[in-house]
C-alpha atoms as a PDB file:
ATOM      1  CA  MET A   1      -7.313 -16.290  -9.387  1.00  0.00           C
ATOM      2  CA  ARG A   2      -3.722 -17.463  -8.673  1.00  0.00           C
ATOM      3  CA  GLU A   3      -2.724 -19.910  -6.598  1.00  0.00           C
ATOM      4  CA  THR A   4      -4.492 -20.769  -2.831  1.00  0.00           C
ATOM      5  CA  ARG A   5      -3.806 -19.842   0.387  1.00  0.00           C
ATOM      6  CA  ARG A   6      -5.967 -19.759   3.331  1.00  0.00           C
ATOM      7  CA  GLU A   7      -3.252 -17.715   5.930  1.00  0.00           C
ATOM      8  CA  LEU A   8      -6.374 -14.846   5.749  1.00  0.00           C
ATOM      9  CA  GLN A   9      -8.891 -16.735   5.633  1.00  0.00           C
ATOM     10  CA  GLY A  10     -12.350 -14.910   6.907  1.00  0.00           C
ATOM     11  CA  ARG A  11      -9.984 -11.770   7.468  1.00  0.00           C
ATOM     12  CA  THR A  12     -11.603  -8.523   6.446  1.00  0.00           C
ATOM     13  CA  VAL A  13      -8.686  -6.158   4.549  1.00  0.00           C
ATOM     14  CA  LEU A  14      -9.271  -2.806   3.378  1.00  0.00           C
ATOM     15  CA  LEU A  15      -6.943  -1.570   0.645  1.00  0.00           C
ATOM     16  CA  THR A  16      -6.823   1.846  -0.493  1.00  0.00           C
ATOM     17  CA  GLY A  17      -5.595   2.023  -4.286  1.00  0.00           C
ATOM     18  CA  ALA A  18      -6.958  -0.775  -5.165  1.00  0.00           C
ATOM     19  CA  SER A  19      -8.407   0.148  -9.191  1.00  0.00           C
ATOM     20  CA  ARG A  20      -4.793  -1.053 -10.712  1.00  0.00           C
ATOM     21  CA  GLY A  21      -1.352  -1.319 -10.865  1.00  0.00           C
ATOM     22  CA  LEU A  22       0.267  -2.726  -8.257  1.00  0.00           C
ATOM     23  CA  GLY A  23      -2.906  -2.530  -5.984  1.00  0.00           C
ATOM     24  CA  ALA A  24      -5.252  -4.188  -8.306  1.00  0.00           C
ATOM     25  CA  HIS A  25      -2.603  -6.969  -8.007  1.00  0.00           C
ATOM     26  CA  MET A  26      -2.521  -6.726  -4.247  1.00  0.00           C
ATOM     27  CA  ALA A  27      -6.037  -6.914  -4.105  1.00  0.00           C
ATOM     28  CA  MET A  28      -5.980 -10.800  -6.085  1.00  0.00           C
ATOM     29  CA  THR A  29      -3.371 -11.942  -3.951  1.00  0.00           C
ATOM     30  CA  LEU A  30      -4.897 -10.785  -0.087  1.00  0.00           C
ATOM     31  CA  ALA A  31      -8.406 -12.566  -1.988  1.00  0.00           C
ATOM     32  CA  SER A  32      -6.537 -15.964  -3.055  1.00  0.00           C
ATOM     33  CA  ALA A  33      -5.070 -15.849   0.687  1.00  0.00           C
ATOM     34  CA  GLY A  34      -9.157 -16.121   1.931  1.00  0.00           C
ATOM     35  CA  ALA A  35      -9.745 -12.745   2.658  1.00  0.00           C
ATOM     36  CA  ARG A  36     -12.796 -10.729   2.315  1.00  0.00           C
ATOM     37  CA  LEU A  37     -11.545  -7.159   0.393  1.00  0.00           C
ATOM     38  CA  ALA A  38     -12.560  -3.929   1.082  1.00  0.00           C
ATOM     39  CA  LEU A  39     -11.456  -1.851  -2.576  1.00  0.00           C
ATOM     40  CA  ALA A  40     -11.056   1.828  -2.008  1.00  0.00           C
ATOM     41  CA  ALA A  41     -10.009   4.415  -4.603  1.00  0.00           C
ATOM     42  CA  ARG A  42     -11.221   7.414  -6.830  1.00  0.00           C
ATOM     43  CA  ASN A  43     -11.716   4.902  -9.711  1.00  0.00           C
ATOM     44  CA  GLN A  44     -14.734   3.248  -9.080  1.00  0.00           C
ATOM     45  CA  ILE A  45     -15.192   2.015 -12.615  1.00  0.00           C
ATOM     46  CA  ALA A  46     -11.919   0.585 -12.219  1.00  0.00           C
ATOM     47  CA  LEU A  47     -12.721  -0.529  -8.706  1.00  0.00           C
ATOM     48  CA  GLU A  48     -15.980  -2.398 -10.075  1.00  0.00           C
ATOM     49  CA  ARG A  49     -13.776  -4.863 -12.268  1.00  0.00           C
ATOM     50  CA  VAL A  50     -11.250  -5.392  -9.828  1.00  0.00           C
ATOM     51  CA  ALA A  51     -14.403  -6.663  -7.293  1.00  0.00           C
ATOM     52  CA  GLU A  52     -15.965  -8.535  -9.867  1.00  0.00           C
ATOM     53  CA  ALA A  53     -12.451 -10.635 -10.937  1.00  0.00           C
ATOM     54  CA  ILE A  54     -12.057 -11.144  -7.121  1.00  0.00           C
ATOM     55  CA  ARG A  55     -15.873 -12.196  -7.287  1.00  0.00           C
ATOM     56  CA  SER A  56     -15.936 -14.207 -10.057  1.00  0.00           C
ATOM     57  CA  SER A  57     -12.787 -16.975  -8.964  1.00  0.00           C
ATOM     58  CA  GLY A  58     -15.055 -17.593  -6.259  1.00  0.00           C
ATOM     59  CA  GLY A  59     -13.463 -15.025  -3.236  1.00  0.00           C
ATOM     60  CA  GLU A  60     -15.705 -11.462  -1.835  1.00  0.00           C
ATOM     61  CA  ALA A  61     -15.349  -8.078  -2.388  1.00  0.00           C
ATOM     62  CA  PHE A  62     -16.960  -4.998  -1.869  1.00  0.00           C
ATOM     63  CA  VAL A  63     -16.247  -1.561  -3.683  1.00  0.00           C
ATOM     64  CA  ALA A  64     -16.051   1.360  -0.970  1.00  0.00           C
ATOM     65  CA  GLN A  65     -16.580   5.300  -1.642  1.00  0.00           C
ATOM     66  CA  LEU A  66     -14.259   7.495   0.001  1.00  0.00           C
ATOM     67  CA  ASP A  67     -12.733  10.786  -0.186  1.00  0.00           C
ATOM     68  CA  LEU A  68      -8.583   9.652   1.540  1.00  0.00           C
ATOM     69  CA  LEU A  69      -8.552  13.373   1.739  1.00  0.00           C
ATOM     70  CA  SER A  70     -12.070  13.804   3.815  1.00  0.00           C
ATOM     71  CA  ALA A  71     -12.215  12.699   7.233  1.00  0.00           C
ATOM     72  CA  ALA A  72     -15.913  11.950   7.676  1.00  0.00           C
ATOM     73  CA  SER A  73     -15.556  10.134   4.550  1.00  0.00           C
ATOM     74  CA  ILE A  74     -13.286   8.084   5.369  1.00  0.00           C
ATOM     75  CA  ASN A  75     -15.698   7.059   8.506  1.00  0.00           C
ATOM     76  CA  ALA A  76     -18.316   6.746   6.253  1.00  0.00           C
ATOM     77  CA  ALA A  77     -16.323   3.981   4.176  1.00  0.00           C
ATOM     78  CA  ILE A  78     -15.517   2.617   7.080  1.00  0.00           C
ATOM     79  CA  ASP A  79     -19.043   2.299   8.113  1.00  0.00           C
ATOM     80  CA  SER A  80     -20.657   0.885   5.215  1.00  0.00           C
ATOM     81  CA  VAL A  81     -17.566  -2.034   5.524  1.00  0.00           C
ATOM     82  CA  GLU A  82     -18.874  -3.113   8.518  1.00  0.00           C
ATOM     83  CA  ALA A  83     -21.840  -3.370   7.605  1.00  0.00           C
ATOM     84  CA  GLY A  84     -21.338  -5.181   4.776  1.00  0.00           C
ATOM     85  CA  PHE A  85     -18.127  -7.621   5.804  1.00  0.00           C
ATOM     86  CA  GLY A  86     -17.222  -6.838  10.021  1.00  0.00           C
ATOM     87  CA  PRO A  87     -14.695  -5.627  11.958  1.00  0.00           C
ATOM     88  CA  ILE A  88     -11.741  -4.650  10.018  1.00  0.00           C
ATOM     89  CA  ASP A  89      -8.767  -6.723  10.825  1.00  0.00           C
ATOM     90  CA  ILE A  90      -6.148  -5.633   8.072  1.00  0.00           C
ATOM     91  CA  LEU A  91      -5.340  -2.053   6.398  1.00  0.00           C
ATOM     92  CA  VAL A  92      -3.222  -1.954   3.483  1.00  0.00           C
ATOM     93  CA  ASN A  93      -2.241   1.539   2.640  1.00  0.00           C
ATOM     94  CA  ASN A  94      -1.408   2.196  -0.742  1.00  0.00           C
ATOM     95  CA  ALA A  95      -3.122   4.998  -2.667  1.00  0.00           C
ATOM     96  CA  GLY A  96      -0.621   7.234  -3.676  1.00  0.00           C
ATOM     97  CA  ILE A  97       0.618   9.981  -6.182  1.00  0.00           C
ATOM     98  CA  THR A  98       4.063  11.482  -7.321  1.00  0.00           C
ATOM     99  CA  ALA A  99       5.233  14.385  -9.476  1.00  0.00           C
ATOM    100  CA  SER A 100       7.853  14.558 -11.787  1.00  0.00           C
ATOM    101  CA  ALA A 101       9.562  18.212 -12.152  1.00  0.00           C
ATOM    102  CA  PRO A 102      13.082  19.605 -11.080  1.00  0.00           C
ATOM    103  CA  ILE A 103      13.198  20.575  -7.301  1.00  0.00           C
ATOM    104  CA  LEU A 104      13.431  24.816  -8.337  1.00  0.00           C
ATOM    105  CA  GLU A 105      10.728  23.931 -10.591  1.00  0.00           C
ATOM    106  CA  HIS A 106       8.012  22.111  -8.603  1.00  0.00           C
ATOM    107  CA  ALA A 107       4.683  23.406  -8.356  1.00  0.00           C
ATOM    108  CA  GLU A 108       3.125  24.461  -4.842  1.00  0.00           C
ATOM    109  CA  SER A 109       0.263  22.351  -5.645  1.00  0.00           C
ATOM    110  CA  ASP A 110       2.118  19.549  -6.967  1.00  0.00           C
ATOM    111  CA  TRP A 111       3.827  19.725  -3.526  1.00  0.00           C
ATOM    112  CA  ASP A 112       0.328  20.063  -1.590  1.00  0.00           C
ATOM    113  CA  ALA A 113      -1.478  17.189  -3.441  1.00  0.00           C
ATOM    114  CA  VAL A 114       1.205  14.525  -3.228  1.00  0.00           C
ATOM    115  CA  LEU A 115       1.768  14.762   0.656  1.00  0.00           C
ATOM    116  CA  ALA A 116      -1.779  15.303   1.161  1.00  0.00           C
ATOM    117  CA  THR A 117      -2.602  11.340  -0.853  1.00  0.00           C
ATOM    118  CA  ASN A 118       0.677   9.547   0.246  1.00  0.00           C
ATOM    119  CA  LEU A 119       0.885  11.096   3.785  1.00  0.00           C
ATOM    120  CA  LYS A 120      -1.762  12.727   5.316  1.00  0.00           C
ATOM    121  CA  ALA A 121      -4.616  10.162   3.311  1.00  0.00           C
ATOM    122  CA  PRO A 122      -2.934   7.236   5.208  1.00  0.00           C
ATOM    123  CA  PHE A 123      -2.669   9.028   8.134  1.00  0.00           C
ATOM    124  CA  LEU A 124      -6.277   9.693   8.510  1.00  0.00           C
ATOM    125  CA  VAL A 125      -7.586   6.113   7.462  1.00  0.00           C
ATOM    126  CA  ALA A 126      -4.622   4.639   9.822  1.00  0.00           C
ATOM    127  CA  THR A 127      -6.269   5.730  12.751  1.00  0.00           C
ATOM    128  CA  GLU A 128      -9.566   5.684  12.484  1.00  0.00           C
ATOM    129  CA  VAL A 129      -8.780   2.125  11.462  1.00  0.00           C
ATOM    130  CA  ALA A 130      -7.145   1.880  15.030  1.00  0.00           C
ATOM    131  CA  ARG A 131      -9.271   3.540  17.129  1.00  0.00           C
ATOM    132  CA  ARG A 132     -12.066   1.074  16.181  1.00  0.00           C
ATOM    133  CA  MET A 133      -9.560  -2.323  16.776  1.00  0.00           C
ATOM    134  CA  ARG A 134      -8.821  -0.288  20.598  1.00  0.00           C
ATOM    135  CA  LEU A 135     -12.241   0.340  20.721  1.00  0.00           C
ATOM    136  CA  ARG A 136     -12.985  -3.717  20.135  1.00  0.00           C
ATOM    137  CA  GLY A 137     -10.055  -4.671  22.006  1.00  0.00           C
ATOM    138  CA  TYR A 138      -9.739  -6.594  19.178  1.00  0.00           C
ATOM    139  CA  SER A 139      -5.699  -7.050  17.377  1.00  0.00           C
ATOM    140  CA  GLY A 140      -4.827  -6.383  13.908  1.00  0.00           C
ATOM    141  CA  SER A 141      -2.299  -5.106  11.096  1.00  0.00           C
ATOM    142  CA  ILE A 142      -1.539  -2.112   9.209  1.00  0.00           C
ATOM    143  CA  VAL A 143       0.601  -2.325   6.261  1.00  0.00           C
ATOM    144  CA  ASN A 144       1.971   1.146   4.950  1.00  0.00           C
ATOM    145  CA  VAL A 145       3.096   1.024   1.408  1.00  0.00           C
ATOM    146  CA  ALA A 146       6.378   3.375   0.686  1.00  0.00           C
ATOM    147  CA  SER A 147       9.366   3.196  -1.261  1.00  0.00           C
ATOM    148  CA  ILE A 148      12.808   2.600  -1.578  1.00  0.00           C
ATOM    149  CA  LEU A 149      12.724   6.454  -3.020  1.00  0.00           C
ATOM    150  CA  GLY A 150      11.639   6.902   0.811  1.00  0.00           C
ATOM    151  CA  LEU A 151      15.377   5.537   2.071  1.00  0.00           C
ATOM    152  CA  ARG A 152      17.357   6.872  -0.068  1.00  0.00           C
ATOM    153  CA  GLN A 153      17.258   9.941  -3.293  1.00  0.00           C
ATOM    154  CA  ALA A 154      16.924  10.440  -6.773  1.00  0.00           C
ATOM    155  CA  GLY A 155      15.739  13.803  -8.643  1.00  0.00           C
ATOM    156  CA  SER A 156      12.758  15.156  -9.715  1.00  0.00           C
ATOM    157  CA  VAL A 157      10.803  13.145  -7.796  1.00  0.00           C
ATOM    158  CA  ALA A 158      11.634  15.797  -3.871  1.00  0.00           C
ATOM    159  CA  ALA A 159       7.882  15.932  -2.922  1.00  0.00           C
ATOM    160  CA  TYR A 160       7.817  11.545  -3.213  1.00  0.00           C
ATOM    161  CA  ALA A 161      10.422  10.410  -1.586  1.00  0.00           C
ATOM    162  CA  ALA A 162       9.997  13.127   1.202  1.00  0.00           C
ATOM    163  CA  SER A 163       6.418  11.805   0.894  1.00  0.00           C
ATOM    164  CA  LYS A 164       7.616   8.277   1.692  1.00  0.00           C
ATOM    165  CA  ALA A 165      10.377   9.589   3.984  1.00  0.00           C
ATOM    166  CA  ALA A 166       7.729  10.163   6.423  1.00  0.00           C
ATOM    167  CA  LEU A 167       5.576   7.693   6.177  1.00  0.00           C
ATOM    168  CA  ILE A 168       8.067   5.584   7.281  1.00  0.00           C
ATOM    169  CA  GLN A 169       8.221   7.343  10.091  1.00  0.00           C
ATOM    170  CA  LEU A 170       4.474   7.354  10.719  1.00  0.00           C
ATOM    171  CA  THR A 171       4.803   4.127  10.497  1.00  0.00           C
ATOM    172  CA  LYS A 172       7.436   3.730  12.797  1.00  0.00           C
ATOM    173  CA  THR A 173       5.428   6.174  15.500  1.00  0.00           C
ATOM    174  CA  LEU A 174       1.963   4.136  14.905  1.00  0.00           C
ATOM    175  CA  ALA A 175       3.889   0.789  15.618  1.00  0.00           C
ATOM    176  CA  LEU A 176       5.356   1.978  18.520  1.00  0.00           C
ATOM    177  CA  GLU A 177       1.642   3.923  20.403  1.00  0.00           C
ATOM    178  CA  LEU A 178      -0.267   1.435  18.967  1.00  0.00           C
ATOM    179  CA  ALA A 179       1.738  -1.660  20.447  1.00  0.00           C
ATOM    180  CA  ARG A 180      -0.555  -1.508  23.532  1.00  0.00           C
ATOM    181  CA  TYR A 181      -3.463  -2.737  21.970  1.00  0.00           C
ATOM    182  CA  GLY A 182      -1.893  -5.806  19.590  1.00  0.00           C
ATOM    183  CA  ILE A 183      -1.807  -3.391  16.696  1.00  0.00           C
ATOM    184  CA  ARG A 184       1.150  -3.989  14.376  1.00  0.00           C
ATOM    185  CA  VAL A 185       2.158  -1.436  11.897  1.00  0.00           C
ATOM    186  CA  ASN A 186       4.758  -2.132   9.058  1.00  0.00           C
ATOM    187  CA  ALA A 187       5.915  -0.818   5.580  1.00  0.00           C
ATOM    188  CA  ILE A 188       6.561  -2.883   2.923  1.00  0.00           C
ATOM    189  CA  ALA A 189       9.182  -0.577   0.638  1.00  0.00           C
ATOM    190  CA  PRO A 190       9.496  -1.821  -3.241  1.00  0.00           C
ATOM    191  CA  GLY A 191      12.283  -0.080  -5.232  1.00  0.00           C
ATOM    192  CA  TYR A 192      11.010  -0.551  -9.158  1.00  0.00           C
ATOM    193  CA  ILE A 193       8.447  -2.422 -10.261  1.00  0.00           C
ATOM    194  CA  GLU A 194       7.348  -3.044 -13.509  1.00  0.00           C
ATOM    195  CA  THR A 195       4.432  -1.825 -14.540  1.00  0.00           C
ATOM    196  CA  ASP A 196       1.895  -1.013 -17.264  1.00  0.00           C
ATOM    197  CA  ILE A 197       2.754   2.963 -16.205  1.00  0.00           C
ATOM    198  CA  ASN A 198       5.824   2.895 -16.561  1.00  0.00           C
ATOM    199  CA  ARG A 199       6.665  -0.349 -19.006  1.00  0.00           C
ATOM    200  CA  GLU A 200       7.459   1.831 -21.755  1.00  0.00           C
ATOM    201  CA  PHE A 201      10.036   3.628 -19.985  1.00  0.00           C
ATOM    202  CA  PHE A 202      12.100   1.293 -19.039  1.00  0.00           C
ATOM    203  CA  ALA A 203      12.365   0.078 -22.894  1.00  0.00           C
ATOM    204  CA  THR A 204      14.097   3.252 -23.110  1.00  0.00           C
ATOM    205  CA  GLU A 205      18.011   3.865 -23.240  1.00  0.00           C
ATOM    206  CA  ALA A 206      17.574   5.521 -20.366  1.00  0.00           C
ATOM    207  CA  GLY A 207      15.304   2.793 -18.376  1.00  0.00           C
ATOM    208  CA  ARG A 208      17.609   0.104 -19.521  1.00  0.00           C
ATOM    209  CA  ALA A 209      20.757   2.013 -17.660  1.00  0.00           C
ATOM    210  CA  LEU A 210      17.909   2.194 -14.256  1.00  0.00           C
ATOM    211  CA  ILE A 211      17.727  -1.799 -14.702  1.00  0.00           C
ATOM    212  CA  LYS A 212      21.795  -2.046 -15.029  1.00  0.00           C
ATOM    213  CA  ARG A 213      21.952   0.214 -11.567  1.00  0.00           C
ATOM    214  CA  ILE A 214      19.843  -2.446  -9.564  1.00  0.00           C
ATOM    215  CA  PRO A 215      22.417  -5.285  -8.486  1.00  0.00           C
ATOM    216  CA  GLN A 216      19.804  -8.257  -9.427  1.00  0.00           C
ATOM    217  CA  ARG A 217      19.533  -6.436 -13.002  1.00  0.00           C
ATOM    218  CA  ARG A 218      16.057  -6.694 -13.177  1.00  0.00           C
ATOM    219  CA  LEU A 219      12.827  -4.797 -12.393  1.00  0.00           C
ATOM    220  CA  GLY A 220      10.530  -6.371  -9.793  1.00  0.00           C
ATOM    221  CA  ARG A 221       7.987  -8.250 -10.654  1.00  0.00           C
ATOM    222  CA  PRO A 222       4.208  -7.172  -8.815  1.00  0.00           C
ATOM    223  CA  GLN A 223       4.547 -10.423  -7.011  1.00  0.00           C
ATOM    224  CA  ASP A 224       7.193 -10.226  -5.977  1.00  0.00           C
ATOM    225  CA  LEU A 225       5.341  -7.822  -3.492  1.00  0.00           C
ATOM    226  CA  ASP A 226       3.310 -11.165  -2.739  1.00  0.00           C
ATOM    227  CA  GLY A 227       5.707 -12.975   0.062  1.00  0.00           C
ATOM    228  CA  PRO A 228       6.259  -9.306   1.838  1.00  0.00           C
ATOM    229  CA  LEU A 229       2.398  -7.982   1.756  1.00  0.00           C
ATOM    230  CA  LEU A 230       1.385 -11.749   3.123  1.00  0.00           C
ATOM    231  CA  LEU A 231       3.777 -11.914   5.806  1.00  0.00           C
ATOM    232  CA  LEU A 232       3.189  -8.508   7.268  1.00  0.00           C
ATOM    233  CA  ALA A 233      -0.376  -8.814   7.039  1.00  0.00           C
ATOM    234  CA  GLY A 234      -1.192 -12.297   8.540  1.00  0.00           C
ATOM    235  CA  ASP A 235       0.252 -13.761  11.998  1.00  0.00           C
ATOM    236  CA  ALA A 236       3.570 -14.730  10.187  1.00  0.00           C
ATOM    237  CA  SER A 237       4.896 -11.443  11.320  1.00  0.00           C
ATOM    238  CA  ALA A 238       3.028 -11.166  14.554  1.00  0.00           C
ATOM    239  CA  TYR A 239       6.335 -10.461  16.743  1.00  0.00           C
ATOM    240  CA  MET A 240       6.976  -7.393  13.915  1.00  0.00           C
ATOM    241  CA  THR A 241       5.900  -3.808  14.117  1.00  0.00           C
ATOM    242  CA  GLY A 242       7.351  -1.143  13.056  1.00  0.00           C
ATOM    243  CA  SER A 243       9.506  -2.931  10.054  1.00  0.00           C
ATOM    244  CA  VAL A 244      10.102  -1.772   6.866  1.00  0.00           C
ATOM    245  CA  VAL A 245      10.545  -4.659   4.413  1.00  0.00           C
ATOM    246  CA  VAL A 246      12.821  -3.604   1.289  1.00  0.00           C
ATOM    247  CA  VAL A 247      11.542  -5.791  -2.101  1.00  0.00           C
ATOM    248  CA  ASP A 248      14.065  -3.507  -4.550  1.00  0.00           C
ATOM    249  CA  GLY A 249      16.392  -6.888  -5.751  1.00  0.00           C
ATOM    250  CA  GLY A 250      19.312  -5.123  -3.840  1.00  0.00           C
ATOM    251  CA  HIS A 251      19.018  -1.370  -5.066  1.00  0.00           C
ATOM    252  CA  LEU A 252      19.204   0.176  -1.621  1.00  0.00           C
ATOM    253  CA  VAL A 253      22.888  -1.349  -1.179  1.00  0.00           C
ATOM    254  CA  SER A 254      24.301  -1.529  -4.532  1.00  0.00           C
ATOM    255  CA  SER A 255      27.276   0.409  -4.858  1.00  0.00           C
ATOM    256  CA  LEU A 256      27.954   4.247  -5.561  1.00  0.00           C
END
């Protein structure tokens, strides 16, 4: 495990989309801060690998079986997490998918799948976790992983951009309504972060041209998200709710 920090010692975190890429990295980051990790994703074999990596580094991890589009499945998964680790203190809604096609060729099925995974699922998980926090009378933190494409436009990703823009508005609405219960809701909006999935594209001419449009002239690294994630998950952000923390190397403020 990476450098040890203990700001989340004893906290239970439910992390969706935890089986690979940024989700797996976030899992290790949160575990290194002392959190107990309840990991959720569709690929259970990959989840078990992440969980084992956490355990082998001295952390605690639990694999939660759930269908993110089923309220009944979400309720059952949270029940299992609470039985094993106790109440959830922090929720990180990271699961997401995309579909790439020009707007006039976007399939209805792709639109529905992206909006369901990127918007409906975070809504279902966040509201169920928040209900339980309210009933027990304790504060908590919800972190939604949005995107700079929720704040600006790009071609051929209409469903993804729309879902992330809506997720940002959902974050702010949840923050408004849940503040009275001591529940904070914030979002991280990453820019282009290099992962195994996109590394090949960014080695192409088109990918290198995109990097040149980022003011810092580089892609983000997964560890660039560590600080914002730990900030919003932990007590250092106790007076932050409804915030969107952009992590994009200055992409949003780049000139036209």
